[in-house]
PDB file of N, CA and C in Angstrom:
ATOM      1  N   MET A   1      64.585 -37.669 -70.430  1.00  0.00           N
ATOM      2  CA  MET A   1      65.890 -37.919 -69.845  1.00  0.00           C
ATOM      3  C   MET A   1      66.287 -39.365 -70.130  1.00  0.00           C
ATOM      4  N   THR A   2      66.612 -39.632 -71.348  1.00  0.00           N
ATOM      5  CA  THR A   2      67.042 -40.989 -71.683  1.00  0.00           C
ATOM      6  C   THR A   2      68.540 -40.991 -71.916  1.00  0.00           C
ATOM      7  N   ASN A   3      69.255 -41.053 -70.849  1.00  0.00           N
ATOM      8  CA  ASN A   3      70.705 -41.150 -70.947  1.00  0.00           C
ATOM      9  C   ASN A   3      71.140 -42.593 -70.696  1.00  0.00           C
ATOM     10  N   LYS A   4      72.433 -42.816 -70.639  1.00  0.00           N
ATOM     11  CA  LYS A   4      72.960 -44.175 -70.479  1.00  0.00           C
ATOM     12  C   LYS A   4      72.453 -44.848 -69.204  1.00  0.00           C
ATOM     13  N   ARG A   5      72.451 -44.110 -68.113  1.00  0.00           N
ATOM     14  CA  ARG A   5      72.040 -44.687 -66.840  1.00  0.00           C
ATOM     15  C   ARG A   5      70.574 -45.105 -66.886  1.00  0.00           C
ATOM     16  N   THR A   6      69.730 -44.250 -67.442  1.00  0.00           N
ATOM     17  CA  THR A   6      68.308 -44.555 -67.532  1.00  0.00           C
ATOM     18  C   THR A   6      68.072 -45.806 -68.362  1.00  0.00           C
ATOM     19  N   LYS A   7      68.720 -45.895 -69.506  1.00  0.00           N
ATOM     20  CA  LYS A   7      68.553 -47.061 -70.362  1.00  0.00           C
ATOM     21  C   LYS A   7      69.060 -48.328 -69.693  1.00  0.00           C
ATOM     22  N   ARG A   8      70.185 -48.228 -68.992  1.00  0.00           N
ATOM     23  CA  ARG A   8      70.754 -49.385 -68.311  1.00  0.00           C
ATOM     24  C   ARG A   8      69.800 -49.892 -67.224  1.00  0.00           C
ATOM     25  N   ILE A   9      69.252 -48.989 -66.432  1.00  0.00           N
ATOM     26  CA  ILE A   9      68.337 -49.376 -65.358  1.00  0.00           C
ATOM     27  C   ILE A   9      67.087 -50.027 -65.933  1.00  0.00           C
ATOM     28  N   ARG A  10      66.515 -49.410 -66.968  1.00  0.00           N
ATOM     29  CA  ARG A  10      65.279 -49.915 -67.561  1.00  0.00           C
ATOM     30  C   ARG A  10      65.489 -51.281 -68.206  1.00  0.00           C
ATOM     31  N   THR A  11      66.624 -51.477 -68.854  1.00  0.00           N
ATOM     32  CA  THR A  11      66.923 -52.763 -69.480  1.00  0.00           C
ATOM     33  C   THR A  11      67.053 -53.866 -68.441  1.00  0.00           C
ATOM     34  N   LYS A  12      67.734 -53.571 -67.344  1.00  0.00           N
ATOM     35  CA  LYS A  12      67.883 -54.574 -66.286  1.00  0.00           C
ATOM     36  C   LYS A  12      66.542 -54.922 -65.664  1.00  0.00           C
ATOM     37  N   LEU A  13      65.678 -53.922 -65.466  1.00  0.00           N
ATOM     38  CA  LEU A  13      64.362 -54.192 -64.904  1.00  0.00           C
ATOM     39  C   LEU A  13      63.546 -55.108 -65.810  1.00  0.00           C
ATOM     40  N   LYS A  14      63.587 -54.854 -67.086  1.00  0.00           N
ATOM     41  CA  LYS A  14      62.797 -55.660 -68.026  1.00  0.00           C
ATOM     42  C   LYS A  14      63.330 -57.084 -68.134  1.00  0.00           C
ATOM     43  N   LYS A  15      64.651 -57.286 -68.001  1.00  0.00           N
ATOM     44  CA  LYS A  15      65.231 -58.628 -68.056  1.00  0.00           C
ATOM     45  C   LYS A  15      64.841 -59.447 -66.834  1.00  0.00           C
ATOM     46  N   VAL A  16      64.916 -58.830 -65.677  1.00  0.00           N
ATOM     47  CA  VAL A  16      64.759 -59.545 -64.419  1.00  0.00           C
ATOM     48  C   VAL A  16      63.302 -59.746 -64.041  1.00  0.00           C
ATOM     49  N   SER A  17      62.458 -58.779 -64.312  1.00  0.00           N
ATOM     50  CA  SER A  17      61.120 -58.799 -63.753  1.00  0.00           C
ATOM     51  C   SER A  17      60.036 -58.721 -64.820  1.00  0.00           C
ATOM     52  N   THR A  18      58.938 -59.431 -64.579  1.00  0.00           N
ATOM     53  CA  THR A  18      57.765 -59.312 -65.437  1.00  0.00           C
ATOM     54  C   THR A  18      56.692 -58.468 -64.756  1.00  0.00           C
ATOM     55  N   ARG A  19      57.042 -57.861 -63.650  1.00  0.00           N
ATOM     56  CA  ARG A  19      56.100 -57.007 -62.917  1.00  0.00           C
ATOM     57  C   ARG A  19      55.843 -55.718 -63.688  1.00  0.00           C
ATOM     58  N   SER A  20      54.808 -55.012 -63.269  1.00  0.00           N
ATOM     59  CA  SER A  20      54.571 -53.677 -63.803  1.00  0.00           C
ATOM     60  C   SER A  20      55.674 -52.759 -63.294  1.00  0.00           C
ATOM     61  N   ARG A  21      55.994 -51.743 -64.076  1.00  0.00           N
ATOM     62  CA  ARG A  21      57.096 -50.843 -63.736  1.00  0.00           C
ATOM     63  C   ARG A  21      56.544 -49.567 -63.133  1.00  0.00           C
ATOM     64  N   LEU A  22      57.059 -49.183 -61.966  1.00  0.00           N
ATOM     65  CA  LEU A  22      56.682 -47.930 -61.307  1.00  0.00           C
ATOM     66  C   LEU A  22      57.751 -46.905 -61.664  1.00  0.00           C
ATOM     67  N   SER A  23      57.435 -46.039 -62.621  1.00  0.00           N
ATOM     68  CA  SER A  23      58.397 -45.103 -63.171  1.00  0.00           C
ATOM     69  C   SER A  23      58.257 -43.733 -62.517  1.00  0.00           C
ATOM     70  N   VAL A  24      59.399 -43.129 -62.168  1.00  0.00           N
ATOM     71  CA  VAL A  24      59.421 -41.834 -61.485  1.00  0.00           C
ATOM     72  C   VAL A  24      60.104 -40.808 -62.370  1.00  0.00           C
ATOM     73  N   PHE A  25      59.500 -39.623 -62.460  1.00  0.00           N
ATOM     74  CA  PHE A  25      60.139 -38.483 -63.114  1.00  0.00           C
ATOM     75  C   PHE A  25      60.070 -37.302 -62.162  1.00  0.00           C
ATOM     76  N   ARG A  26      61.196 -36.636 -62.004  1.00  0.00           N
ATOM     77  CA  ARG A  26      61.271 -35.501 -61.079  1.00  0.00           C
ATOM     78  C   ARG A  26      61.787 -34.289 -61.842  1.00  0.00           C
ATOM     79  N   SER A  27      61.002 -33.231 -61.850  1.00  0.00           N
ATOM     80  CA  SER A  27      61.470 -31.985 -62.444  1.00  0.00           C
ATOM     81  C   SER A  27      61.863 -31.045 -61.301  1.00  0.00           C
ATOM     82  N   ASN A  28      62.195 -29.826 -61.624  1.00  0.00           N
ATOM     83  CA  ASN A  28      62.558 -28.878 -60.564  1.00  0.00           C
ATOM     84  C   ASN A  28      61.380 -28.563 -59.656  1.00  0.00           C
ATOM     85  N   ASN A  29      60.184 -28.585 -60.200  1.00  0.00           N
ATOM     86  CA  ASN A  29      59.011 -28.180 -59.425  1.00  0.00           C
ATOM     87  C   ASN A  29      58.047 -29.309 -59.091  1.00  0.00           C
ATOM     88  N   HIS A  30      58.035 -30.383 -59.838  1.00  0.00           N
ATOM     89  CA  HIS A  30      57.009 -31.408 -59.677  1.00  0.00           C
ATOM     90  C   HIS A  30      57.602 -32.814 -59.688  1.00  0.00           C
ATOM     91  N   ILE A  31      56.787 -33.759 -59.198  1.00  0.00           N
ATOM     92  CA  ILE A  31      57.138 -35.181 -59.199  1.00  0.00           C
ATOM     93  C   ILE A  31      55.994 -35.928 -59.879  1.00  0.00           C
ATOM     94  N   TYR A  32      56.337 -36.811 -60.802  1.00  0.00           N
ATOM     95  CA  TYR A  32      55.354 -37.595 -61.528  1.00  0.00           C
ATOM     96  C   TYR A  32      55.694 -39.074 -61.341  1.00  0.00           C
ATOM     97  N   VAL A  33      54.680 -39.899 -61.091  1.00  0.00           N
ATOM     98  CA  VAL A  33      54.864 -41.337 -60.935  1.00  0.00           C
ATOM     99  C   VAL A  33      53.781 -42.032 -61.748  1.00  0.00           C
ATOM    100  N   GLN A  34      54.168 -43.070 -62.474  1.00  0.00           N
ATOM    101  CA  GLN A  34      53.157 -43.859 -63.172  1.00  0.00           C
ATOM    102  C   GLN A  34      53.548 -45.327 -63.180  1.00  0.00           C
ATOM    103  N   ALA A  35      52.538 -46.166 -63.105  1.00  0.00           N
ATOM    104  CA  ALA A  35      52.738 -47.608 -63.196  1.00  0.00           C
ATOM    105  C   ALA A  35      52.451 -48.021 -64.629  1.00  0.00           C
ATOM    106  N   ILE A  36      53.412 -48.707 -65.252  1.00  0.00           N
ATOM    107  CA  ILE A  36      53.330 -49.043 -66.662  1.00  0.00           C
ATOM    108  C   ILE A  36      53.407 -50.560 -66.839  1.00  0.00           C
ATOM    109  N   ASP A  37      52.509 -51.107 -67.629  1.00  0.00           N
ATOM    110  CA  ASP A  37      52.571 -52.510 -68.020  1.00  0.00           C
ATOM    111  C   ASP A  37      53.291 -52.564 -69.360  1.00  0.00           C
ATOM    112  N   ASP A  38      54.559 -52.956 -69.356  1.00  0.00           N
ATOM    113  CA  ASP A  38      55.375 -52.925 -70.563  1.00  0.00           C
ATOM    114  C   ASP A  38      54.956 -53.956 -71.603  1.00  0.00           C
ATOM    115  N   SER A  39      54.342 -55.051 -71.173  1.00  0.00           N
ATOM    116  CA  SER A  39      53.937 -56.062 -72.153  1.00  0.00           C
ATOM    117  C   SER A  39      52.787 -55.553 -73.025  1.00  0.00           C
ATOM    118  N   LYS A  40      51.894 -54.764 -72.429  1.00  0.00           N
ATOM    119  CA  LYS A  40      50.769 -54.212 -73.188  1.00  0.00           C
ATOM    120  C   LYS A  40      51.028 -52.778 -73.643  1.00  0.00           C
ATOM    121  N   GLY A  41      51.980 -52.112 -72.988  1.00  0.00           N
ATOM    122  CA  GLY A  41      52.287 -50.734 -73.348  1.00  0.00           C
ATOM    123  C   GLY A  41      51.252 -49.738 -72.864  1.00  0.00           C
ATOM    124  N   ILE A  42      50.673 -49.998 -71.682  1.00  0.00           N
ATOM    125  CA  ILE A  42      49.653 -49.091 -71.163  1.00  0.00           C
ATOM    126  C   ILE A  42      50.030 -48.596 -69.763  1.00  0.00           C
ATOM    127  N   THR A  43      49.498 -47.451 -69.413  1.00  0.00           N
ATOM    128  CA  THR A  43      49.669 -46.908 -68.070  1.00  0.00           C
ATOM    129  C   THR A  43      48.525 -47.407 -67.201  1.00  0.00           C
ATOM    130  N   LEU A  44      48.852 -48.019 -66.072  1.00  0.00           N
ATOM    131  CA  LEU A  44      47.846 -48.584 -65.183  1.00  0.00           C
ATOM    132  C   LEU A  44      47.308 -47.559 -64.194  1.00  0.00           C
ATOM    133  N   ALA A  45      48.200 -46.721 -63.670  1.00  0.00           N
ATOM    134  CA  ALA A  45      47.800 -45.681 -62.720  1.00  0.00           C
ATOM    135  C   ALA A  45      48.887 -44.620 -62.700  1.00  0.00           C
ATOM    136  N   SER A  46      48.500 -43.416 -62.305  1.00  0.00           N
ATOM    137  CA  SER A  46      49.488 -42.344 -62.223  1.00  0.00           C
ATOM    138  C   SER A  46      49.120 -41.391 -61.106  1.00  0.00           C
ATOM    139  N   ALA A  47      50.112 -40.639 -60.661  1.00  0.00           N
ATOM    140  CA  ALA A  47      49.913 -39.598 -59.655  1.00  0.00           C
ATOM    141  C   ALA A  47      51.001 -38.559 -59.848  1.00  0.00           C
ATOM    142  N   SER A  48      50.680 -37.323 -59.565  1.00  0.00           N
ATOM    143  CA  SER A  48      51.677 -36.268 -59.681  1.00  0.00           C
ATOM    144  C   SER A  48      51.307 -35.091 -58.793  1.00  0.00           C
ATOM    145  N   THR A  49      52.255 -34.200 -58.630  1.00  0.00           N
ATOM    146  CA  THR A  49      51.996 -32.996 -57.834  1.00  0.00           C
ATOM    147  C   THR A  49      51.206 -31.973 -58.622  1.00  0.00           C
ATOM    148  N   MET A  50      50.859 -32.274 -59.864  1.00  0.00           N
ATOM    149  CA  MET A  50      50.022 -31.387 -60.663  1.00  0.00           C
ATOM    150  C   MET A  50      48.544 -31.532 -60.309  1.00  0.00           C
ATOM    151  N   GLU A  51      48.183 -32.597 -59.603  1.00  0.00           N
ATOM    152  CA  GLU A  51      46.792 -32.822 -59.214  1.00  0.00           C
ATOM    153  C   GLU A  51      46.443 -31.902 -58.057  1.00  0.00           C
ATOM    154  N   LYS A  52      45.494 -31.029 -58.265  1.00  0.00           N
ATOM    155  CA  LYS A  52      45.189 -29.992 -57.271  1.00  0.00           C
ATOM    156  C   LYS A  52      44.599 -30.557 -55.990  1.00  0.00           C
ATOM    157  N   LYS A  53      43.815 -31.642 -56.089  1.00  0.00           N
ATOM    158  CA  LYS A  53      43.199 -32.175 -54.877  1.00  0.00           C
ATOM    159  C   LYS A  53      44.218 -32.843 -53.945  1.00  0.00           C
ATOM    160  N   LEU A  54      45.384 -33.234 -54.469  1.00  0.00           N
ATOM    161  CA  LEU A  54      46.419 -33.843 -53.628  1.00  0.00           C
ATOM    162  C   LEU A  54      47.278 -32.809 -52.921  1.00  0.00           C
ATOM    163  N   VAL A  55      47.417 -31.639 -53.494  1.00  0.00           N
ATOM    164  CA  VAL A  55      48.443 -30.701 -53.077  1.00  0.00           C
ATOM    165  C   VAL A  55      47.876 -29.486 -52.335  1.00  0.00           C
ATOM    166  N   LYS A  56      46.624 -29.521 -51.935  1.00  0.00           N
ATOM    167  CA  LYS A  56      45.977 -28.348 -51.346  1.00  0.00           C
ATOM    168  C   LYS A  56      46.739 -27.731 -50.189  1.00  0.00           C
ATOM    169  N   ASP A  57      46.907 -28.488 -49.128  1.00  0.00           N
ATOM    170  CA  ASP A  57      47.391 -27.929 -47.870  1.00  0.00           C
ATOM    171  C   ASP A  57      48.826 -28.296 -47.535  1.00  0.00           C
ATOM    172  N   LEU A  58      49.555 -28.859 -48.477  1.00  0.00           N
ATOM    173  CA  LEU A  58      50.887 -29.341 -48.157  1.00  0.00           C
ATOM    174  C   LEU A  58      51.947 -28.283 -48.433  1.00  0.00           C
ATOM    175  N   ASN A  59      52.905 -28.230 -47.559  1.00  0.00           N
ATOM    176  CA  ASN A  59      54.051 -27.345 -47.739  1.00  0.00           C
ATOM    177  C   ASN A  59      55.303 -28.196 -47.780  1.00  0.00           C
ATOM    178  N   GLY A  60      56.179 -27.904 -48.697  1.00  0.00           N
ATOM    179  CA  GLY A  60      57.451 -28.618 -48.732  1.00  0.00           C
ATOM    180  C   GLY A  60      57.433 -29.775 -49.694  1.00  0.00           C
ATOM    181  N   ARG A  61      58.567 -29.963 -50.320  1.00  0.00           N
ATOM    182  CA  ARG A  61      58.703 -31.011 -51.332  1.00  0.00           C
ATOM    183  C   ARG A  61      58.720 -32.401 -50.719  1.00  0.00           C
ATOM    184  N   LYS A  62      59.225 -32.531 -49.490  1.00  0.00           N
ATOM    185  CA  LYS A  62      59.264 -33.849 -48.858  1.00  0.00           C
ATOM    186  C   LYS A  62      57.861 -34.356 -48.571  1.00  0.00           C
ATOM    187  N   GLU A  63      56.981 -33.474 -48.074  1.00  0.00           N
ATOM    188  CA  GLU A  63      55.595 -33.864 -47.839  1.00  0.00           C
ATOM    189  C   GLU A  63      54.906 -34.248 -49.144  1.00  0.00           C
ATOM    190  N   LEU A  64      55.192 -33.497 -50.195  1.00  0.00           N
ATOM    191  CA  LEU A  64      54.599 -33.803 -51.493  1.00  0.00           C
ATOM    192  C   LEU A  64      55.040 -35.172 -51.999  1.00  0.00           C
ATOM    193  N   ALA A  65      56.324 -35.483 -51.863  1.00  0.00           N
ATOM    194  CA  ALA A  65      56.837 -36.777 -52.312  1.00  0.00           C
ATOM    195  C   ALA A  65      56.181 -37.914 -51.533  1.00  0.00           C
ATOM    196  N   ALA A  66      56.019 -37.743 -50.234  1.00  0.00           N
ATOM    197  CA  ALA A  66      55.384 -38.775 -49.416  1.00  0.00           C
ATOM    198  C   ALA A  66      53.916 -38.951 -49.814  1.00  0.00           C
ATOM    199  N   THR A  67      53.230 -37.865 -50.084  1.00  0.00           N
ATOM    200  CA  THR A  67      51.830 -37.935 -50.478  1.00  0.00           C
ATOM    201  C   THR A  67      51.666 -38.627 -51.826  1.00  0.00           C
ATOM    202  N   ILE A  68      52.542 -38.321 -52.761  1.00  0.00           N
ATOM    203  CA  ILE A  68      52.477 -38.949 -54.084  1.00  0.00           C
ATOM    204  C   ILE A  68      52.744 -40.451 -53.963  1.00  0.00           C
ATOM    205  N   GLY A  69      53.694 -40.843 -53.124  1.00  0.00           N
ATOM    206  CA  GLY A  69      53.981 -42.261 -52.909  1.00  0.00           C
ATOM    207  C   GLY A  69      52.789 -43.006 -52.329  1.00  0.00           C
ATOM    208  N   ARG A  70      52.150 -42.400 -51.335  1.00  0.00           N
ATOM    209  CA  ARG A  70      50.966 -43.034 -50.734  1.00  0.00           C
ATOM    210  C   ARG A  70      49.823 -43.123 -51.744  1.00  0.00           C
ATOM    211  N   THR A  71      49.645 -42.078 -52.537  1.00  0.00           N
ATOM    212  CA  THR A  71      48.540 -42.035 -53.499  1.00  0.00           C
ATOM    213  C   THR A  71      48.692 -43.095 -54.579  1.00  0.00           C
ATOM    214  N   ILE A  72      49.885 -43.217 -55.147  1.00  0.00           N
ATOM    215  CA  ILE A  72      50.083 -44.214 -56.204  1.00  0.00           C
ATOM    216  C   ILE A  72      49.917 -45.623 -55.651  1.00  0.00           C
ATOM    217  N   ALA A  73      50.352 -45.835 -54.415  1.00  0.00           N
ATOM    218  CA  ALA A  73      50.195 -47.155 -53.797  1.00  0.00           C
ATOM    219  C   ALA A  73      48.716 -47.493 -53.615  1.00  0.00           C
ATOM    220  N   LYS A  74      47.931 -46.533 -53.132  1.00  0.00           N
ATOM    221  CA  LYS A  74      46.497 -46.778 -52.946  1.00  0.00           C
ATOM    222  C   LYS A  74      45.815 -47.072 -54.270  1.00  0.00           C
ATOM    223  N   ARG A  75      46.159 -46.313 -55.310  1.00  0.00           N
ATOM    224  CA  ARG A  75      45.531 -46.511 -56.614  1.00  0.00           C
ATOM    225  C   ARG A  75      45.876 -47.865 -57.216  1.00  0.00           C
ATOM    226  N   LEU A  76      47.109 -48.317 -57.020  1.00  0.00           N
ATOM    227  CA  LEU A  76      47.494 -49.628 -57.551  1.00  0.00           C
ATOM    228  C   LEU A  76      46.866 -50.767 -56.765  1.00  0.00           C
ATOM    229  N   ILE A  77      46.808 -50.635 -55.454  1.00  0.00           N
ATOM    230  CA  ILE A  77      46.218 -51.689 -54.629  1.00  0.00           C
ATOM    231  C   ILE A  77      44.724 -51.815 -54.912  1.00  0.00           C
ATOM    232  N   GLU A  78      44.056 -50.683 -55.199  1.00  0.00           N
ATOM    233  CA  GLU A  78      42.642 -50.743 -55.573  1.00  0.00           C
ATOM    234  C   GLU A  78      42.445 -51.546 -56.858  1.00  0.00           C
ATOM    235  N   LYS A  79      43.414 -51.517 -57.758  1.00  0.00           N
ATOM    236  CA  LYS A  79      43.335 -52.266 -59.011  1.00  0.00           C
ATOM    237  C   LYS A  79      43.853 -53.692 -58.855  1.00  0.00           C
ATOM    238  N   GLY A  80      44.294 -54.058 -57.660  1.00  0.00           N
ATOM    239  CA  GLY A  80      44.744 -55.420 -57.406  1.00  0.00           C
ATOM    240  C   GLY A  80      46.207 -55.667 -57.713  1.00  0.00           C
ATOM    241  N   ILE A  81      46.998 -54.611 -57.819  1.00  0.00           N
ATOM    242  CA  ILE A  81      48.426 -54.750 -58.119  1.00  0.00           C
ATOM    243  C   ILE A  81      49.214 -54.413 -56.859  1.00  0.00           C
ATOM    244  N   LYS A  82      49.943 -55.392 -56.336  1.00  0.00           N
ATOM    245  CA  LYS A  82      50.752 -55.149 -55.141  1.00  0.00           C
ATOM    246  C   LYS A  82      52.240 -55.242 -55.414  1.00  0.00           C
ATOM    247  N   ASP A  83      52.622 -55.948 -56.482  1.00  0.00           N
ATOM    248  CA  ASP A  83      54.029 -56.140 -56.801  1.00  0.00           C
ATOM    249  C   ASP A  83      54.408 -55.321 -58.036  1.00  0.00           C
ATOM    250  N   VAL A  84      55.383 -54.456 -57.878  1.00  0.00           N
ATOM    251  CA  VAL A  84      55.870 -53.627 -58.989  1.00  0.00           C
ATOM    252  C   VAL A  84      57.390 -53.618 -58.967  1.00  0.00           C
ATOM    253  N   ALA A  85      57.980 -53.197 -60.078  1.00  0.00           N
ATOM    254  CA  ALA A  85      59.430 -52.996 -60.157  1.00  0.00           C
ATOM    255  C   ALA A  85      59.662 -51.491 -60.131  1.00  0.00           C
ATOM    256  N   PHE A  86      60.498 -51.019 -59.241  1.00  0.00           N
ATOM    257  CA  PHE A  86      60.720 -49.581 -59.056  1.00  0.00           C
ATOM    258  C   PHE A  86      61.760 -49.083 -60.049  1.00  0.00           C
ATOM    259  N   ASP A  87      61.343 -48.216 -60.962  1.00  0.00           N
ATOM    260  CA  ASP A  87      62.224 -47.616 -61.966  1.00  0.00           C
ATOM    261  C   ASP A  87      62.502 -46.182 -61.539  1.00  0.00           C
ATOM    262  N   LYS A  88      63.668 -45.976 -60.955  1.00  0.00           N
ATOM    263  CA  LYS A  88      64.000 -44.644 -60.445  1.00  0.00           C
ATOM    264  C   LYS A  88      64.438 -43.691 -61.538  1.00  0.00           C
ATOM    265  N   GLY A  89      64.504 -44.160 -62.758  1.00  0.00           N
ATOM    266  CA  GLY A  89      64.687 -43.313 -63.920  1.00  0.00           C
ATOM    267  C   GLY A  89      65.995 -42.555 -63.995  1.00  0.00           C
ATOM    268  N   GLY A  90      67.066 -43.128 -63.537  1.00  0.00           N
ATOM    269  CA  GLY A  90      68.351 -42.453 -63.630  1.00  0.00           C
ATOM    270  C   GLY A  90      68.686 -41.571 -62.453  1.00  0.00           C
ATOM    271  N   TYR A  91      67.733 -41.395 -61.548  1.00  0.00           N
ATOM    272  CA  TYR A  91      67.994 -40.588 -60.356  1.00  0.00           C
ATOM    273  C   TYR A  91      68.623 -41.460 -59.283  1.00  0.00           C
ATOM    274  N   LYS A  92      69.392 -40.862 -58.408  1.00  0.00           N
ATOM    275  CA  LYS A  92      69.939 -41.599 -57.281  1.00  0.00           C
ATOM    276  C   LYS A  92      68.815 -41.928 -56.308  1.00  0.00           C
ATOM    277  N   TYR A  93      68.930 -43.078 -55.646  1.00  0.00           N
ATOM    278  CA  TYR A  93      67.939 -43.475 -54.646  1.00  0.00           C
ATOM    279  C   TYR A  93      68.258 -42.696 -53.372  1.00  0.00           C
ATOM    280  N   HIS A  94      67.821 -41.439 -53.365  1.00  0.00           N
ATOM    281  CA  HIS A  94      68.221 -40.523 -52.322  1.00  0.00           C
ATOM    282  C   HIS A  94      67.196 -39.391 -52.290  1.00  0.00           C
ATOM    283  N   GLY A  95      66.986 -38.798 -51.148  1.00  0.00           N
ATOM    284  CA  GLY A  95      66.144 -37.621 -51.063  1.00  0.00           C
ATOM    285  C   GLY A  95      64.695 -37.893 -51.393  1.00  0.00           C
ATOM    286  N   LEU A  96      64.133 -37.117 -52.337  1.00  0.00           N
ATOM    287  CA  LEU A  96      62.718 -37.216 -52.676  1.00  0.00           C
ATOM    288  C   LEU A  96      62.347 -38.575 -53.249  1.00  0.00           C
ATOM    289  N   ILE A  97      63.245 -39.172 -54.023  1.00  0.00           N
ATOM    290  CA  ILE A  97      62.968 -40.486 -54.604  1.00  0.00           C
ATOM    291  C   ILE A  97      62.852 -41.534 -53.502  1.00  0.00           C
ATOM    292  N   LYS A  98      63.726 -41.466 -52.522  1.00  0.00           N
ATOM    293  CA  LYS A  98      63.698 -42.407 -51.400  1.00  0.00           C
ATOM    294  C   LYS A  98      62.440 -42.204 -50.550  1.00  0.00           C
ATOM    295  N   ILE A  99      62.070 -40.952 -50.305  1.00  0.00           N
ATOM    296  CA  ILE A  99      60.868 -40.658 -49.517  1.00  0.00           C
ATOM    297  C   ILE A  99      59.633 -41.198 -50.229  1.00  0.00           C
ATOM    298  N   LEU A 100      59.551 -40.996 -51.536  1.00  0.00           N
ATOM    299  CA  LEU A 100      58.430 -41.490 -52.325  1.00  0.00           C
ATOM    300  C   LEU A 100      58.356 -43.016 -52.248  1.00  0.00           C
ATOM    301  N   ALA A 101      59.479 -43.686 -52.427  1.00  0.00           N
ATOM    302  CA  ALA A 101      59.511 -45.148 -52.399  1.00  0.00           C
ATOM    303  C   ALA A 101      59.135 -45.689 -51.017  1.00  0.00           C
ATOM    304  N   ASP A 102      59.665 -45.077 -49.965  1.00  0.00           N
ATOM    305  CA  ASP A 102      59.362 -45.540 -48.612  1.00  0.00           C
ATOM    306  C   ASP A 102      57.881 -45.375 -48.273  1.00  0.00           C
ATOM    307  N   SER A 103      57.278 -44.271 -48.685  1.00  0.00           N
ATOM    308  CA  SER A 103      55.860 -44.060 -48.390  1.00  0.00           C
ATOM    309  C   SER A 103      54.988 -45.023 -49.189  1.00  0.00           C
ATOM    310  N   ALA A 104      55.402 -45.368 -50.412  1.00  0.00           N
ATOM    311  CA  ALA A 104      54.650 -46.357 -51.189  1.00  0.00           C
ATOM    312  C   ALA A 104      54.753 -47.736 -50.539  1.00  0.00           C
ATOM    313  N   ARG A 105      55.927 -48.075 -50.017  1.00  0.00           N
ATOM    314  CA  ARG A 105      56.083 -49.357 -49.317  1.00  0.00           C
ATOM    315  C   ARG A 105      55.241 -49.418 -48.057  1.00  0.00           C
ATOM    316  N   GLU A 106      55.159 -48.314 -47.335  1.00  0.00           N
ATOM    317  CA  GLU A 106      54.366 -48.279 -46.103  1.00  0.00           C
ATOM    318  C   GLU A 106      52.886 -48.534 -46.385  1.00  0.00           C
ATOM    319  N   GLU A 107      52.413 -48.128 -47.569  1.00  0.00           N
ATOM    320  CA  GLU A 107      51.019 -48.339 -47.928  1.00  0.00           C
ATOM    321  C   GLU A 107      50.737 -49.758 -48.417  1.00  0.00           C
ATOM    322  N   GLY A 108      51.797 -50.540 -48.695  1.00  0.00           N
ATOM    323  CA  GLY A 108      51.587 -51.938 -49.042  1.00  0.00           C
ATOM    324  C   GLY A 108      52.130 -52.389 -50.379  1.00  0.00           C
ATOM    325  N   LEU A 109      52.807 -51.539 -51.125  1.00  0.00           N
ATOM    326  CA  LEU A 109      53.419 -51.984 -52.382  1.00  0.00           C
ATOM    327  C   LEU A 109      54.684 -52.773 -52.111  1.00  0.00           C
ATOM    328  N   ASN A 110      54.944 -53.770 -52.913  1.00  0.00           N
ATOM    329  CA  ASN A 110      56.162 -54.587 -52.781  1.00  0.00           C
ATOM    330  C   ASN A 110      57.081 -54.323 -53.963  1.00  0.00           C
ATOM    331  N   PHE A 111      58.294 -53.886 -53.678  1.00  0.00           N
ATOM    332  CA  PHE A 111      59.339 -53.758 -54.695  1.00  0.00           C
ATOM    333  C   PHE A 111      60.684 -53.744 -54.051  1.00  0.00           C
TER     334      PHE A 111
END
């Protein structure tokens, strides 16, 4: 999904911040989040609803989004990364994207 909005958001993030980028992708059925170091071009950590151990007993997309947000935050903090730039990837900051971001902030990520 590389449309005008996505490119505009990503360009502004790279100009303003040297932090790692927390990129979100949302499909009809799943949510994927990954932390990317753009200077090296590597993925630092990732989480998604495709991971079976995360999604065992949860019902509802809102619970899944909150769980994914908490999981990515824990994985990044374990690696010593607390400051990231949130790349919402062309989606509105609303609904599942907002729930994911809020749960990541509650766990200690700064963006």
